[in-house]
Amino acid sequence: MEKENINQLIDKYNFKLEETHISWVLIGKDTVYKIKKPVDFGFLDYSSLQKRLEFCQKEIELNRRLAQDMYLGLSKIVETKNGIDIDKDGEIMDYAVKMKKIPQEKMMDVLIKQNKVEEKQIKAIAKITADFHKKAKTDDYITSFGSIEQNRQNTDENFEQTRNAVGEYITQYQYDALKKYTDDFYTNNKALFEKRMNDKKIRDCHGDMYSRNICIAAENEIYIYDCIEFNERFRYSDAVSDVAFLLMDLENYQRYDLSKMFLNYYIDFSNDKDITDIIDFYKIYRAYVRGKIAFFQQNRQEANQYFDLAFGYLPDNYKPKLFVMCGLTGSGKSYRAKQIADKIGVEIISSDEVRKELMNMDKHQKDLSDFKKGIYSDEITKKVYEKLSSTGYELLREGKNVILDATYLTKKLRDDVQSHMKRLGIKPNIVFVDTNDKTVMEHFKKREKEKSASDGRLEIYKEQKKLFEKPDRCIKIEPSGNIDKIII
């Protein structure tokens, strides 16, 4: 089948075309035809007409498990005396999966973006998924795909295929950390993989269960479709791998609330209590696969997002640390930040220097504007804090420990940092440098004799003091205290 043949069908039936790297999808008024491209990627082989026929039949059979009335059957693409046509008398050129058109505005990914996915829908999807996994086929052959050896084949393939992604799409540190964690997990969890196999948790699963393949057409009409038919290695898996895919997908949209809901309901319906022991492993695997696909498509932004998400699921000991200094001007925050940096090796990002840089000023150039005026206006300060977080984020991706050195006067500012780092799974250590009027006055006197990027002075300190919201959970350093407690 050639693209020009597809164009003939589009012209004849006024189809809308959606094209992927493996399919042409022709969308009509009520019906959709999915035609497989004659491609061979190794893990997927549609290169011959016979193979495309077999995979079309397999796709219909498998997808009717979760979307029975959506998959209408097999169609023939034929050449007639009047040109290319569908299901007419003529020479068979190719085959297509014929499907009922489902409402695109009811696709789960669309509804998520519109904040229209509710708990009752998540509960229903969890019930459907749990029931599907209980009934899904399993035997000794399928169970063998739950072994460490089979899982390692998938993960090793991912790392091998993304070596050239290092740099632009994933940092070297992230790549190495994810690979080390994966190797370590296999080494340390042999009994867990064996238990999952013995408990018959390895099934003929969906393999591609995420929001783009789920349609919530109505309250009692949910389609989970487009499962993987082309490679049993990607479909025969631990049931938790399906669950992990949807969890990861929801979290990619920053819907951690929906993710938690789905996991809890799935555990209730499946009674699979051991799922929490292995769920992060499969979330990492699923996020990495999506990152790999984005890399193949040369979509840097999407690849970064998925690889960052995979990295974020790693345990803390595989990731760098983030410290957020907090306290009033003159408290000695910058001094303490340098102490920490000297002790454990940390990149310091100073709000004083960032502010001057954003304003194209020399860092030692003074600006004695009143509180919240001039370069210290709320608008500019907002940009400073955004820059602190974004710069810190990039350094953390590279595996560097980071200190964000600013006052962080309010709880919202501190919460914003945590929110910004959520995808990397790095929780900031809030370091509150406490002080008193006497200590502050001594600091300001000393600062008069030194070059400093700070424009802090007593009147600013007094204004900040009125607004300051002391952190509840933090590492607190008293004016005369030491930093030993934060060397973690």
Protein backbone atom coordinates (compact mmCIF):
# COMPACT_ATOMS: atom_id res chain seq x y z
CA MET A 1 0.00 0.00 0.00
CA GLU A 2 1.37 3.39 -0.97
CA LYS A 3 0.55 6.87 0.30
CA GLU A 4 -0.95 7.79 -3.10
CA ASN A 5 -3.48 4.96 -2.66
CA ILE A 6 -4.38 6.37 0.73
CA ASN A 7 -4.89 9.78 -0.86
CA GLN A 8 -7.34 8.25 -3.37
CA LEU A 9 -9.44 6.87 -0.51
CA ILE A 10 -9.33 10.22 1.27
CA ASP A 11 -10.58 12.00 -1.85
CA LYS A 12 -13.28 9.41 -2.56
CA TYR A 13 -14.78 9.26 0.93
CA ASN A 14 -13.72 12.60 2.36
CA PHE A 15 -11.79 10.88 5.12
CA LYS A 16 -9.71 12.76 7.63
CA LEU A 17 -6.19 11.28 7.88
CA GLU A 18 -4.25 10.72 11.08
CA GLU A 19 -0.82 9.27 10.41
CA THR A 20 1.60 7.58 12.79
CA HIS A 21 4.95 5.92 12.12
CA ILE A 22 3.15 2.55 11.78
CA SER A 23 -0.38 3.30 10.54
CA TRP A 24 -2.67 5.36 8.37
CA VAL A 25 -5.95 6.02 10.18
CA LEU A 26 -8.83 7.10 7.95
CA ILE A 27 -11.59 8.80 9.90
CA GLY A 28 -15.05 8.97 8.38
CA LYS A 29 -18.40 10.20 9.66
CA ASP A 30 -19.22 7.07 11.67
CA THR A 31 -16.43 4.64 10.81
CA VAL A 32 -12.64 4.50 11.14
CA TYR A 33 -10.27 2.35 9.07
CA LYS A 34 -6.79 1.62 10.39
CA ILE A 35 -4.30 0.49 7.72
CA LYS A 36 -0.89 -0.80 8.75
CA LYS A 37 2.13 0.62 6.95
CA PRO A 38 4.49 -1.87 5.24
CA VAL A 39 7.33 -1.26 7.72
CA ASP A 40 9.77 -3.41 9.65
CA PHE A 41 11.32 -1.96 12.83
CA GLY A 42 12.56 -5.26 14.20
CA PHE A 43 10.25 -5.23 17.21
CA LEU A 44 7.38 -4.69 14.74
CA ASP A 45 7.16 -6.29 11.30
CA TYR A 46 4.32 -5.34 8.92
CA SER A 47 6.49 -5.80 5.83
CA SER A 48 4.33 -8.37 4.00
CA LEU A 49 0.66 -8.45 3.06
CA GLN A 50 0.21 -11.76 4.91
CA LYS A 51 1.73 -10.32 8.10
CA ARG A 52 -0.52 -7.27 7.90
CA LEU A 53 -3.54 -9.54 7.52
CA GLU A 54 -2.55 -11.62 10.54
CA PHE A 55 -1.86 -8.57 12.69
CA CYS A 56 -5.16 -6.94 11.68
CA GLN A 57 -6.98 -10.09 12.74
CA LYS A 58 -4.98 -10.23 15.96
CA GLU A 59 -5.72 -6.58 16.71
CA ILE A 60 -9.46 -7.14 16.33
CA GLU A 61 -9.41 -10.28 18.49
CA LEU A 62 -7.37 -8.73 21.30
CA ASN A 63 -9.09 -5.36 21.42
CA ARG A 64 -12.56 -6.86 21.59
CA ARG A 65 -11.60 -7.91 25.14
CA LEU A 66 -12.00 -4.32 26.36
CA ALA A 67 -13.81 -2.61 23.47
CA GLN A 68 -16.12 -5.28 22.10
CA ASP A 69 -18.52 -3.22 19.97
CA MET A 70 -15.90 -0.72 18.84
CA TYR A 71 -14.02 -3.24 16.67
CA LEU A 72 -16.37 -4.03 13.77
CA GLY A 73 -14.16 -6.43 11.85
CA LEU A 74 -11.71 -6.81 8.97
CA SER A 75 -11.98 -4.72 5.80
CA LYS A 76 -10.30 -5.25 2.45
CA ILE A 77 -8.61 -2.48 0.52
CA VAL A 78 -9.05 -3.39 -3.13
CA GLU A 79 -8.21 -2.11 -6.57
CA THR A 80 -11.25 -1.94 -8.85
CA LYS A 81 -11.71 -0.65 -12.37
CA ASN A 82 -12.77 2.63 -10.76
CA GLY A 83 -9.67 2.88 -8.56
CA ILE A 84 -8.90 2.06 -4.91
CA ASP A 85 -11.89 1.19 -2.75
CA ILE A 86 -12.94 -0.54 0.46
CA ASP A 87 -14.81 -3.86 0.75
CA LYS A 88 -15.69 -3.98 -2.95
CA ASP A 89 -14.97 -6.63 -5.56
CA GLY A 90 -11.42 -6.33 -6.83
CA GLU A 91 -7.82 -7.28 -6.29
CA ILE A 92 -6.85 -7.16 -2.62
CA MET A 93 -4.14 -4.58 -2.05
CA ASP A 94 -4.22 -4.48 1.73
CA TYR A 95 -6.32 -4.91 4.84
CA ALA A 96 -7.72 -2.57 7.45
CA VAL A 97 -9.16 -2.80 10.93
CA LYS A 98 -12.69 -1.40 10.76
CA MET A 99 -13.83 0.44 13.87
CA LYS A 100 -16.79 2.39 15.14
CA LYS A 101 -15.90 6.06 15.45
CA ILE A 102 -15.79 7.14 19.05
CA PRO A 103 -16.21 10.74 20.25
CA GLN A 104 -12.79 12.40 20.27
CA GLU A 105 -13.97 15.01 22.76
CA LYS A 106 -14.53 12.15 25.23
CA MET A 107 -10.99 10.83 25.05
CA MET A 108 -9.50 10.60 28.52
CA ASP A 109 -6.44 12.71 27.70
CA VAL A 110 -8.73 15.46 26.37
CA LEU A 111 -10.94 15.27 29.47
CA ILE A 112 -7.92 15.41 31.79
CA LYS A 113 -6.74 18.65 30.18
CA GLN A 114 -10.24 20.07 30.69
CA ASN A 115 -10.32 18.89 34.32
CA LYS A 116 -13.37 16.75 33.55
CA VAL A 117 -12.21 13.36 34.87
CA GLU A 118 -13.97 12.49 38.12
CA GLU A 119 -13.52 9.88 40.83
CA LYS A 120 -16.45 7.76 39.62
CA GLN A 121 -14.79 7.43 36.20
CA ILE A 122 -11.43 6.50 37.72
CA LYS A 123 -13.19 3.91 39.89
CA ALA A 124 -14.93 2.44 36.84
CA ILE A 125 -11.67 2.20 34.88
CA ALA A 126 -9.96 0.55 37.85
CA LYS A 127 -12.79 -2.02 38.07
CA ILE A 128 -12.65 -2.74 34.34
CA THR A 129 -8.86 -3.11 34.47
CA ALA A 130 -8.85 -5.38 37.53
CA ASP A 131 -11.57 -7.62 36.07
CA PHE A 132 -9.71 -7.74 32.75
CA HIS A 133 -6.48 -8.83 34.42
CA LYS A 134 -8.26 -11.57 36.39
CA LYS A 135 -9.70 -13.04 33.18
CA ALA A 136 -6.71 -12.43 30.90
CA LYS A 137 -5.03 -15.52 29.55
CA THR A 138 -2.03 -16.99 31.31
CA ASP A 139 -0.03 -20.20 30.94
CA ASP A 140 3.54 -21.34 31.47
CA TYR A 141 4.73 -19.63 28.30
CA ILE A 142 3.10 -16.29 29.17
CA THR A 143 4.35 -16.56 32.76
CA SER A 144 7.92 -16.88 31.50
CA PHE A 145 7.72 -13.25 30.37
CA GLY A 146 7.64 -12.15 34.01
CA SER A 147 11.17 -13.39 34.62
CA ILE A 148 14.09 -11.09 35.30
CA GLU A 149 15.69 -12.29 32.05
CA GLN A 150 12.69 -11.23 29.94
CA ASN A 151 12.30 -7.92 31.77
CA ARG A 152 16.00 -7.27 31.38
CA GLN A 153 15.72 -7.81 27.64
CA ASN A 154 13.16 -4.98 27.49
CA THR A 155 15.08 -2.58 29.71
CA ASP A 156 18.49 -3.31 28.17
CA GLU A 157 16.96 -2.67 24.77
CA ASN A 158 15.63 0.68 25.99
CA PHE A 159 19.01 1.80 27.31
CA GLU A 160 20.81 0.61 24.19
CA GLN A 161 18.37 2.41 21.89
CA THR A 162 18.71 5.69 23.81
CA ARG A 163 22.50 5.96 24.05
CA ASN A 164 22.42 8.72 21.45
CA ALA A 165 19.68 10.52 23.38
CA VAL A 166 22.17 11.44 26.11
CA GLY A 167 22.83 15.16 26.09
CA GLU A 168 19.87 16.77 24.36
CA TYR A 169 17.07 14.43 25.47
CA ILE A 170 18.33 12.98 28.76
CA THR A 171 21.35 13.95 30.85
CA GLN A 172 24.25 11.58 31.36
CA TYR A 173 23.57 11.57 35.09
CA GLN A 174 19.92 10.60 34.60
CA TYR A 175 20.81 7.87 32.11
CA ASP A 176 23.43 6.37 34.43
CA ALA A 177 21.19 6.63 37.52
CA LEU A 178 18.22 5.00 35.80
CA LYS A 179 20.37 2.19 34.44
CA LYS A 180 22.05 1.57 37.79
CA TYR A 181 18.72 1.51 39.61
CA THR A 182 17.31 -0.96 37.08
CA ASP A 183 20.32 -3.27 37.39
CA ASP A 184 20.22 -2.99 41.18
CA PHE A 185 16.51 -3.78 41.25
CA TYR A 186 17.05 -7.03 39.37
CA THR A 187 19.91 -7.99 41.68
CA ASN A 188 17.99 -7.26 44.87
CA ASN A 189 14.50 -8.51 43.95
CA LYS A 190 14.84 -11.99 42.45
CA ALA A 191 12.36 -13.39 44.99
CA LEU A 192 9.81 -10.69 44.16
CA PHE A 193 9.82 -11.49 40.43
CA GLU A 194 9.52 -15.20 41.19
CA LYS A 195 6.61 -14.59 43.55
CA ARG A 196 4.75 -12.55 40.91
CA MET A 197 5.22 -15.44 38.47
CA ASN A 198 4.13 -18.09 40.98
CA ASP A 199 1.06 -16.03 41.88
CA LYS A 200 0.00 -16.03 38.20
CA LYS A 201 0.26 -12.25 37.87
CA ILE A 202 1.84 -12.49 34.42
CA ARG A 203 -0.96 -12.22 31.89
CA ASP A 204 -1.83 -11.46 28.28
CA CYS A 205 -2.28 -7.78 29.10
CA HIS A 206 -3.15 -4.65 27.12
CA GLY A 207 0.40 -3.31 26.83
CA ASP A 208 -0.48 0.28 25.96
CA MET A 209 -2.95 1.35 28.63
CA TYR A 210 -2.84 5.10 28.98
CA SER A 211 -5.28 7.99 28.65
CA ARG A 212 -4.84 8.45 24.89
CA ASN A 213 -6.19 4.92 24.42
CA ILE A 214 -9.18 5.32 26.74
CA CYS A 215 -12.51 6.83 25.76
CA ILE A 216 -15.07 7.72 28.42
CA ALA A 217 -17.95 7.92 25.96
CA ALA A 218 -20.65 7.83 28.64
CA GLU A 219 -21.04 6.86 32.28
CA ASN A 220 -21.43 3.16 31.44
CA GLU A 221 -19.54 3.21 28.14
CA ILE A 222 -15.78 3.13 28.54
CA TYR A 223 -13.48 1.87 25.80
CA ILE A 224 -9.89 0.83 26.48
CA TYR A 225 -8.54 0.10 23.03
CA ASP A 226 -5.48 -0.04 20.74
CA CYS A 227 -3.62 -2.71 22.70
CA ILE A 228 -0.29 -3.99 21.44
CA GLU A 229 -0.81 -6.79 18.96
CA PHE A 230 2.48 -6.65 17.08
CA ASN A 231 4.87 -8.01 19.72
CA GLU A 232 3.88 -10.43 22.48
CA ARG A 233 6.96 -9.44 24.47
CA PHE A 234 5.40 -6.02 25.07
CA ARG A 235 1.98 -7.44 25.95
CA TYR A 236 2.78 -10.57 27.98
CA SER A 237 3.72 -8.92 31.25
CA ASP A 238 2.99 -8.51 34.90
CA ALA A 239 -0.48 -6.97 35.24
CA VAL A 240 1.15 -4.22 37.27
CA SER A 241 2.83 -2.99 34.09
CA ASP A 242 -0.57 -1.98 32.66
CA VAL A 243 -1.46 -0.28 35.94
CA ALA A 244 1.90 1.50 36.08
CA PHE A 245 1.40 2.90 32.57
CA LEU A 246 -1.84 4.66 33.46
CA LEU A 247 -0.45 5.85 36.81
CA MET A 248 2.59 7.28 35.08
CA ASP A 249 0.42 8.90 32.41
CA LEU A 250 -1.81 10.60 34.98
CA GLU A 251 1.25 11.84 36.85
CA ASN A 252 2.71 13.15 33.61
CA TYR A 253 -0.36 15.41 33.53
CA GLN A 254 0.41 16.32 37.16
CA ARG A 255 -2.78 14.57 38.29
CA TYR A 256 -1.30 12.80 41.27
CA ASP A 257 -4.73 12.84 42.89
CA LEU A 258 -6.25 10.75 40.10
CA SER A 259 -3.22 8.46 40.08
CA LYS A 260 -3.56 7.74 43.80
CA MET A 261 -7.29 7.13 43.34
CA PHE A 262 -6.75 4.66 40.51
CA LEU A 263 -4.07 2.71 42.38
CA ASN A 264 -6.18 2.42 45.54
CA TYR A 265 -9.28 1.31 43.67
CA TYR A 266 -7.29 -1.17 41.57
CA ILE A 267 -5.80 -2.75 44.71
CA ASP A 268 -9.27 -3.01 46.23
CA PHE A 269 -10.78 -4.64 43.12
CA SER A 270 -7.82 -6.92 42.33
CA ASN A 271 -6.77 -7.70 45.91
CA ASP A 272 -3.18 -7.49 44.62
CA LYS A 273 -1.50 -6.25 47.78
CA ASP A 274 2.05 -6.87 46.53
CA ILE A 275 1.68 -4.34 43.74
CA THR A 276 3.27 -1.56 45.79
CA ASP A 277 6.54 -3.50 46.03
CA ILE A 278 7.12 -3.31 42.30
CA ILE A 279 4.98 -0.44 41.00
CA ASP A 280 7.77 2.17 40.86
CA PHE A 281 9.97 -0.19 38.85
CA TYR A 282 7.30 -0.44 36.18
CA LYS A 283 6.45 3.27 36.31
CA ILE A 284 10.10 3.97 35.56
CA TYR A 285 10.00 1.46 32.71
CA ARG A 286 6.84 2.96 31.24
CA ALA A 287 8.03 6.56 31.50
CA TYR A 288 11.35 5.58 29.92
CA VAL A 289 9.60 3.92 26.98
CA ARG A 290 7.57 7.08 26.35
CA GLY A 291 10.77 9.11 26.54
CA LYS A 292 12.38 6.75 24.04
CA ILE A 293 9.48 7.14 21.62
CA ALA A 294 9.69 10.94 21.90
CA PHE A 295 13.42 10.68 21.22
CA PHE A 296 12.74 8.59 18.10
CA GLN A 297 10.32 11.32 17.00
CA GLN A 298 12.93 14.00 17.79
CA ASN A 299 10.53 15.68 20.21
CA ARG A 300 12.98 17.10 22.72
CA GLN A 301 10.45 18.70 25.06
CA GLU A 302 8.35 15.57 25.40
CA ALA A 303 11.42 13.35 25.78
CA ASN A 304 12.76 15.60 28.54
CA GLN A 305 9.44 15.43 30.35
CA TYR A 306 9.20 11.64 30.28
CA PHE A 307 12.84 11.00 31.10
CA ASP A 308 12.59 13.51 33.97
CA LEU A 309 9.49 11.69 35.21
CA ALA A 310 11.27 8.32 35.06
CA PHE A 311 14.17 9.85 36.99
CA GLY A 312 11.71 11.26 39.52
CA TYR A 313 10.50 7.79 40.48
CA LEU A 314 13.99 6.76 41.59
CA PRO A 315 14.67 6.37 45.32
CA ASP A 316 16.34 9.41 46.90
CA ASN A 317 19.76 7.76 47.12
CA TYR A 318 20.00 7.83 43.30
CA LYS A 319 19.34 11.57 43.11
CA PRO A 320 21.10 14.79 44.13
CA LYS A 321 19.93 17.00 47.00
CA LEU A 322 18.23 20.37 47.00
CA PHE A 323 18.52 22.89 49.83
CA VAL A 324 16.32 25.97 50.03
CA MET A 325 17.67 28.68 52.31
CA CYS A 326 14.98 30.57 54.16
CA GLY A 327 15.16 33.60 56.42
CA LEU A 328 15.23 37.37 56.66
CA THR A 329 17.82 39.56 55.04
CA GLY A 330 20.83 39.95 57.28
CA SER A 331 20.32 36.56 58.94
CA GLY A 332 23.47 35.12 57.40
CA LYS A 333 21.78 32.82 54.87
CA SER A 334 24.39 33.34 52.18
CA TYR A 335 27.19 32.72 54.65
CA ARG A 336 25.52 29.49 55.77
CA ALA A 337 24.97 28.47 52.14
CA LYS A 338 28.69 28.83 51.48
CA GLN A 339 29.47 26.75 54.55
CA ILE A 340 27.25 23.96 53.25
CA ALA A 341 28.76 24.22 49.77
CA ASP A 342 32.28 23.98 51.17
CA LYS A 343 31.31 20.96 53.25
CA ILE A 344 29.46 18.76 50.78
CA GLY A 345 29.84 20.30 47.33
CA VAL A 346 26.79 22.26 46.22
CA GLU A 347 25.99 24.69 43.41
CA ILE A 348 24.68 27.93 44.96
CA ILE A 349 22.13 29.97 43.04
CA SER A 350 21.79 33.36 44.70
CA SER A 351 18.67 35.49 44.31
CA ASP A 352 20.81 38.62 44.71
CA GLU A 353 22.97 37.67 41.75
CA VAL A 354 20.06 36.38 39.64
CA ARG A 355 18.18 39.64 40.20
CA LYS A 356 21.10 41.77 39.09
CA GLU A 357 21.70 39.53 36.11
CA LEU A 358 18.05 39.78 35.02
CA MET A 359 18.32 43.57 35.24
CA ASN A 360 21.64 43.64 33.33
CA MET A 361 23.44 45.06 36.36
CA ASP A 362 26.85 44.26 37.79
CA LYS A 363 26.28 42.03 40.79
CA HIS A 364 28.01 44.52 43.11
CA GLN A 365 26.04 47.48 41.80
CA LYS A 366 23.76 48.78 44.54
CA ASP A 367 20.03 49.51 44.24
CA LEU A 368 18.65 51.17 47.35
CA SER A 369 15.00 51.25 46.25
CA ASP A 370 12.35 51.16 48.95
CA PHE A 371 10.81 47.83 49.94
CA LYS A 372 8.94 46.26 46.98
CA LYS A 373 10.02 49.11 44.70
CA GLY A 374 12.39 49.32 41.71
CA ILE A 375 14.17 46.05 40.99
CA TYR A 376 12.52 44.66 44.12
CA SER A 377 8.98 45.06 42.81
CA ASP A 378 6.67 42.06 43.07
CA GLU A 379 6.78 41.57 39.29
CA ILE A 380 10.57 41.36 39.13
CA THR A 381 10.78 39.31 42.31
CA LYS A 382 8.41 36.77 40.76
CA LYS A 383 10.76 36.44 37.78
CA VAL A 384 13.72 36.02 40.14
CA TYR A 385 12.11 33.13 41.99
CA GLU A 386 11.05 31.48 38.73
CA LYS A 387 14.64 31.74 37.51
CA LEU A 388 15.95 30.26 40.74
CA SER A 389 13.69 27.23 40.35
CA SER A 390 14.32 26.70 36.63
CA THR A 391 18.10 27.00 37.01
CA GLY A 392 18.05 24.67 40.00
CA TYR A 393 15.95 22.18 38.07
CA GLU A 394 18.47 21.97 35.23
CA LEU A 395 21.40 21.54 37.61
CA LEU A 396 19.59 18.77 39.49
CA ARG A 397 18.99 16.97 36.18
CA GLU A 398 22.77 16.96 35.75
CA GLY A 399 23.20 15.36 39.17
CA LYS A 400 24.47 18.43 41.01
CA ASN A 401 23.49 19.22 44.58
CA VAL A 402 21.87 22.65 44.65
CA ILE A 403 21.23 25.49 47.10
CA LEU A 404 18.62 28.12 46.28
CA ASP A 405 19.73 31.12 48.32
CA ALA A 406 16.90 33.60 48.86
CA THR A 407 14.62 34.78 51.66
CA TYR A 408 11.65 32.57 50.70
CA LEU A 409 9.55 34.58 53.11
CA THR A 410 6.21 32.88 52.50
CA LYS A 411 4.93 29.34 52.55
CA LYS A 412 3.69 29.78 48.98
CA LEU A 413 7.17 30.55 47.70
CA ARG A 414 8.53 27.45 49.39
CA ASP A 415 5.62 25.32 48.14
CA ASP A 416 6.24 26.62 44.62
CA VAL A 417 9.77 25.19 44.71
CA GLN A 418 8.45 21.78 45.74
CA SER A 419 5.84 21.92 42.99
CA HIS A 420 8.47 22.90 40.41
CA MET A 421 10.67 19.93 41.37
CA LYS A 422 7.80 17.41 41.54
CA ARG A 423 8.60 15.81 38.19
CA LEU A 424 12.17 15.12 39.35
CA GLY A 425 10.85 13.66 42.59
CA ILE A 426 13.24 15.83 44.60
CA LYS A 427 11.89 17.32 47.80
CA PRO A 428 13.62 20.51 48.94
CA ASN A 429 15.32 20.56 52.32
CA ILE A 430 14.19 23.86 53.83
CA VAL A 431 17.05 25.40 55.83
CA PHE A 432 15.68 28.12 58.10
CA VAL A 433 18.40 30.47 59.32
CA ASP A 434 16.91 32.10 62.38
CA THR A 435 18.14 35.44 63.68
CA ASN A 436 17.47 38.37 65.98
CA ASP A 437 17.75 42.13 65.73
CA LYS A 438 21.17 42.24 67.35
CA THR A 439 22.68 39.65 64.99
CA VAL A 440 21.17 41.37 61.96
CA MET A 441 22.59 44.76 62.91
CA GLU A 442 26.04 43.22 63.33
CA HIS A 443 25.75 41.62 59.87
CA PHE A 444 24.78 44.89 58.23
CA LYS A 445 27.70 46.73 59.83
CA LYS A 446 30.07 44.06 58.62
CA ARG A 447 28.53 44.11 55.12
CA GLU A 448 29.26 47.84 54.77
CA LYS A 449 32.96 47.01 54.67
CA GLU A 450 32.63 44.20 52.10
CA LYS A 451 31.61 43.83 48.46
CA SER A 452 28.25 42.13 48.29
CA ALA A 453 25.51 41.51 45.76
CA SER A 454 22.94 42.00 48.49
CA ASP A 455 21.09 45.29 48.89
CA GLY A 456 19.67 44.23 52.27
CA ARG A 457 19.65 46.77 55.07
CA LEU A 458 17.89 47.36 58.36
CA GLU A 459 14.74 49.01 56.99
CA ILE A 460 14.26 46.14 54.52
CA TYR A 461 14.75 43.63 57.32
CA LYS A 462 12.01 45.31 59.34
CA GLU A 463 9.55 45.22 56.43
CA GLN A 464 10.33 41.58 55.69
CA LYS A 465 9.82 40.71 59.32
CA LYS A 466 6.16 41.79 59.05
CA LEU A 467 5.53 39.38 56.18
CA PHE A 468 7.68 36.42 57.19
CA GLU A 469 5.95 33.05 57.61
CA LYS A 470 8.26 30.77 59.53
CA PRO A 471 8.45 27.24 58.08
CA ASP A 472 7.01 24.41 60.16
CA ARG A 473 9.03 21.54 58.77
CA CYS A 474 12.61 22.59 58.28
CA ILE A 475 16.21 22.32 59.38
CA LYS A 476 16.64 25.24 61.73
CA ILE A 477 19.95 26.95 62.36
CA GLU A 478 20.17 29.30 65.33
CA PRO A 479 22.26 32.49 65.02
CA SER A 480 25.15 30.86 66.87
CA GLY A 481 24.46 27.31 65.68
CA ASN A 482 26.50 25.13 63.31
CA ILE A 483 25.62 23.35 60.07
CA ASP A 484 26.48 19.81 61.12
CA LYS A 485 22.82 18.83 61.36
CA ILE A 486 22.20 19.52 57.67
CA ILE A 487 25.11 17.54 56.31
CA ILE A 488 22.94 14.64 55.14
